[in-house]
Protein backbone atom coordinates (compact mmCIF):
# COMPACT_ATOMS: atom_id res chain seq x y z
CA MET A 1 -55.48 4.20 9.36
CA TYR A 2 -52.34 2.89 9.60
CA PRO A 3 -49.78 2.01 6.42
CA ARG A 4 -50.52 -0.05 3.42
CA VAL A 5 -48.78 -3.08 1.83
CA GLU A 6 -46.98 -1.94 -0.97
CA ARG A 7 -44.25 -4.76 -1.47
CA VAL A 8 -44.42 -8.15 0.51
CA LYS A 9 -41.71 -11.68 -0.29
CA PRO A 10 -42.07 -14.65 2.09
CA GLU A 11 -38.63 -15.35 3.55
CA LYS A 12 -37.74 -18.75 5.13
CA ASN A 13 -39.40 -20.01 7.98
CA TYR A 14 -43.27 -18.60 6.82
CA THR A 15 -42.01 -15.10 7.05
CA LEU A 16 -42.92 -12.26 5.17
CA ILE A 17 -41.28 -9.44 4.36
CA ILE A 18 -43.12 -6.35 3.77
CA THR A 19 -42.74 -2.58 2.48
CA PHE A 20 -45.45 -0.57 3.96
CA ASN A 21 -46.14 3.08 1.67
CA ASN A 22 -44.56 5.07 4.66
CA GLY A 23 -41.01 3.26 4.01
CA GLU A 24 -40.88 1.11 6.87
CA VAL A 25 -39.80 -2.79 6.66
CA LYS A 26 -41.16 -4.55 8.57
CA SER A 27 -41.00 -9.07 9.08
CA PHE A 28 -44.37 -10.98 9.92
CA ASP A 29 -44.84 -14.42 11.62
CA VAL A 30 -47.22 -16.02 9.77
CA LYS A 31 -46.34 -18.90 11.93
CA PRO A 32 -49.07 -18.51 14.68
CA TYR A 33 -51.76 -18.53 12.48
CA LEU A 34 -50.80 -21.51 10.62
CA ASP A 35 -52.99 -23.76 12.98
CA ILE A 36 -55.93 -21.79 12.40
CA GLY A 37 -59.26 -22.40 9.28
CA ILE A 38 -58.58 -21.86 6.15
CA PHE A 39 -54.64 -20.75 6.82
CA LYS A 40 -53.67 -24.47 7.47
CA GLU A 41 -53.00 -24.40 3.80
CA LEU A 42 -50.38 -21.92 3.82
CA LYS A 43 -48.13 -24.83 5.39
CA ASP A 44 -47.71 -25.85 1.89
CA LEU A 45 -44.53 -23.70 1.08
CA ALA A 46 -45.66 -23.15 -2.50
CA LEU A 47 -49.01 -21.88 -1.60
CA PHE A 48 -47.18 -19.81 1.16
CA ASN A 49 -44.99 -18.40 -1.68
CA SER A 50 -47.42 -17.74 -3.98
CA VAL A 51 -48.53 -14.21 -1.63
CA ARG A 52 -49.02 -11.08 -3.86
CA THR A 53 -50.27 -7.34 -2.45
CA CYS A 54 -54.00 -7.01 -2.97
CA LEU A 55 -55.31 -3.71 -2.16
CA GLY A 56 -53.03 -2.51 0.34
CA SER A 57 -52.85 -5.83 2.28
CA ILE A 58 -51.77 -9.02 1.25
CA GLN A 59 -53.29 -12.11 0.01
CA TRP A 60 -52.58 -16.04 -0.71
CA LYS A 61 -53.48 -17.62 -4.27
CA ASN A 62 -56.53 -19.16 -2.63
CA GLY A 63 -58.04 -16.53 -1.13
CA GLN A 64 -56.30 -16.35 2.53
CA ASP A 65 -56.10 -12.73 3.56
CA LEU A 66 -54.58 -10.60 6.18
CA CYS A 67 -55.71 -7.54 7.37
CA PRO A 68 -53.27 -4.57 6.41
CA ASP A 69 -53.93 -3.25 10.24
CA THR A 70 -52.84 -6.40 11.85
CA LEU A 71 -50.03 -6.84 9.58
CA TYR A 72 -48.51 -3.60 10.29
CA LEU A 73 -49.17 -3.71 14.37
CA ASP A 74 -48.13 -6.95 14.59
CA SER A 75 -45.06 -6.85 13.03
CA GLU A 76 -41.28 -6.39 13.74
CA GLU A 77 -38.96 -3.69 12.13
CA ILE A 78 -35.56 -4.72 10.44
CA GLU A 79 -33.64 -3.08 8.75
CA HIS A 80 -33.37 -2.61 5.15
CA HIS A 81 -33.96 -5.49 3.47
């Protein structure tokens, strides 16, 4: 099992800064998802910025979520933000 999300912060340009429970801080690019199904709604910045942690992952106000393993594997490590 991969690390789980402890904190998430929405950034400009549809990226998320995610702190995982192993102490790693990574950047996840949501742009590739913005033309897919329910994720299209996230083009609305107010909705995109509603992201919160939920059960070790993330979730937006309208119910969109992503697998915590996807968040960990498909994000890029950054300096502590």
